[in-house]
């Protein structure tokens, strides 16, 4: 994934042809100027470490979550995610901010699944999003 994001950003900067997924990735990278210098140095990006206790966001995890949520919305899976993200976008006035809220719900769902050993609970994920959209 690190090579993918660095390559997409390089192609974007160089005005080179992009695949559909690279285009989407480069749009999300464009929303995160704080990651752009790091993505511009592929060797440093490949070597970088992001320990939780360092208080530094892993840009590759963050951008991967943006791509995941975008894909979930495009196919409405889990069912209802598209409407939930749209409602949250409307409330917040920003798709980007809605995605950041969705990341918290997605992260919670994954954490609960790992903790319990149960499959991810898509209904709980959607409910978390709906609560945020109606807050």
Protein backbone atom coordinates (compact mmCIF):
# COMPACT_ATOMS: atom_id res chain seq x y z
CA UNK A 1 0.00 0.00 0.00
CA UNK A 2 2.84 2.39 0.74
CA UNK A 3 4.22 2.02 -2.78
CA UNK A 4 0.72 2.41 -4.19
CA UNK A 5 0.02 5.69 -2.38
CA UNK A 6 3.48 7.10 -3.11
CA UNK A 7 3.15 6.11 -6.76
CA UNK A 8 -0.33 7.61 -7.09
CA UNK A 9 0.89 10.86 -5.58
CA UNK A 10 3.95 10.92 -7.85
CA UNK A 11 1.76 10.35 -10.93
CA UNK A 12 -0.63 13.09 -9.79
CA UNK A 13 2.23 15.57 -9.37
CA UNK A 14 3.73 14.56 -12.73
CA UNK A 15 0.34 14.74 -14.50
CA UNK A 16 0.83 11.11 -15.56
CA UNK A 17 -2.12 8.86 -16.37
CA UNK A 18 -3.80 7.42 -13.28
CA UNK A 19 -5.96 4.34 -12.82
CA UNK A 20 -9.39 4.89 -11.27
CA UNK A 21 -8.12 3.78 -7.86
CA UNK A 22 -5.01 5.98 -8.15
CA UNK A 23 -7.25 8.93 -9.04
CA UNK A 24 -9.36 8.35 -5.94
CA UNK A 25 -6.25 7.94 -3.79
CA UNK A 26 -4.70 11.13 -5.16
CA UNK A 27 -7.90 13.05 -4.40
CA UNK A 28 -7.77 11.93 -0.77
CA UNK A 29 -4.05 12.71 -0.60
CA UNK A 30 -4.92 16.16 -1.91
CA UNK A 31 -7.22 16.55 1.11
CA UNK A 32 -4.26 15.80 3.39
CA UNK A 33 -1.42 18.23 2.69
CA UNK A 34 0.21 17.09 5.94
CA UNK A 35 1.01 13.74 4.25
CA UNK A 36 2.19 14.99 0.88
CA UNK A 37 5.89 15.54 1.67
CA UNK A 38 6.11 12.10 3.23
CA UNK A 39 4.45 10.49 0.21
CA UNK A 40 6.86 12.34 -2.07
CA UNK A 41 9.83 10.41 -0.60
CA UNK A 42 8.99 6.77 -1.27
CA UNK A 43 12.12 5.32 0.34
CA UNK A 44 11.54 7.25 3.56
CA UNK A 45 7.86 6.29 3.47
CA UNK A 46 8.72 2.62 3.13
CA UNK A 47 11.07 2.82 6.12
CA UNK A 48 8.83 4.92 8.36
CA UNK A 49 7.42 3.47 11.56
CA UNK A 50 4.20 4.67 13.19
CA UNK A 51 4.05 3.33 16.74
CA UNK A 52 0.80 4.17 18.50
CA UNK A 53 2.59 5.68 21.49
CA UNK A 54 4.43 8.17 19.26
CA UNK A 55 1.20 10.10 18.71
CA UNK A 56 1.75 10.23 14.96
CA UNK A 57 -0.97 9.22 12.53
CA UNK A 58 -0.07 6.53 10.04
CA UNK A 59 -0.89 8.22 6.72
CA UNK A 60 -1.15 4.89 4.91
CA UNK A 61 -3.73 3.53 7.35
CA UNK A 62 -5.63 6.81 7.26
CA UNK A 63 -5.69 6.98 3.46
CA UNK A 64 -6.57 3.28 3.22
CA UNK A 65 -9.58 3.93 5.42
CA UNK A 66 -10.67 6.76 3.11
CA UNK A 67 -10.44 4.33 0.17
CA UNK A 68 -12.32 1.63 2.09
CA UNK A 69 -15.16 3.98 2.99
CA UNK A 70 -15.31 5.29 -0.58
CA UNK A 71 -15.59 1.72 -1.87
CA UNK A 72 -18.20 0.82 0.76
CA UNK A 73 -20.29 3.80 -0.36
CA UNK A 74 -19.89 2.97 -4.05
CA UNK A 75 -21.41 -0.49 -3.54
CA UNK A 76 -23.52 0.39 -0.46
CA UNK A 77 -21.95 -2.38 1.58
CA UNK A 78 -22.72 -2.78 4.38
CA UNK A 79 -26.20 -1.87 3.23
CA UNK A 80 -27.09 1.63 4.37
CA UNK A 81 -23.53 3.00 4.52
CA UNK A 82 -24.05 5.22 1.48
CA UNK A 83 -27.12 6.91 2.98
CA UNK A 84 -25.43 7.20 6.37
CA UNK A 85 -22.35 8.88 4.90
CA UNK A 86 -24.54 11.16 2.78
CA UNK A 87 -26.58 12.17 5.84
CA UNK A 88 -23.44 12.82 7.86
CA UNK A 89 -21.93 14.79 4.97
CA UNK A 90 -25.07 16.93 4.86
CA UNK A 91 -24.96 17.55 8.62
CA UNK A 92 -21.24 18.38 8.66
CA UNK A 93 -21.11 20.14 5.30
CA UNK A 94 -18.05 18.10 4.32
CA UNK A 95 -17.52 14.65 2.82
CA UNK A 96 -14.01 14.70 4.25
CA UNK A 97 -15.26 15.33 7.78
CA UNK A 98 -17.94 12.68 7.32
CA UNK A 99 -15.26 10.18 6.33
CA UNK A 100 -13.30 11.01 9.48
CA UNK A 101 -16.41 10.29 11.55
CA UNK A 102 -16.96 7.06 9.60
CA UNK A 103 -13.37 6.06 10.37
CA UNK A 104 -14.14 6.21 14.06
CA UNK A 105 -17.19 3.98 13.59
CA UNK A 106 -15.28 1.61 11.31
CA UNK A 107 -12.39 1.42 13.75
CA UNK A 108 -14.78 0.68 16.61
CA UNK A 109 -16.44 -2.11 14.61
CA UNK A 110 -13.09 -3.69 13.77
CA UNK A 111 -11.87 -3.39 17.37
CA UNK A 112 -15.06 -5.01 18.70
CA UNK A 113 -14.74 -7.83 16.15
CA UNK A 114 -11.12 -8.49 17.10
CA UNK A 115 -11.88 -8.31 20.81
CA UNK A 116 -14.85 -10.67 20.65
CA UNK A 117 -13.65 -12.99 17.89
CA UNK A 118 -16.99 -12.42 16.15
CA UNK A 119 -17.38 -11.26 12.54
CA UNK A 120 -17.55 -7.51 11.97
CA UNK A 121 -21.00 -6.15 12.85
CA UNK A 122 -22.09 -4.09 9.87
CA UNK A 123 -25.38 -3.17 11.54
CA UNK A 124 -23.52 -1.68 14.53
CA UNK A 125 -21.29 0.25 12.11
CA UNK A 126 -24.32 1.72 10.32
CA UNK A 127 -26.01 2.53 13.64
CA UNK A 128 -22.89 4.37 14.82
CA UNK A 129 -22.98 6.40 11.60
CA UNK A 130 -26.69 7.14 11.94
CA UNK A 131 -26.21 8.38 15.51
CA UNK A 132 -23.47 10.72 14.35
CA UNK A 133 -25.61 11.96 11.47
CA UNK A 134 -28.51 12.77 13.78
CA UNK A 135 -26.46 14.32 16.62
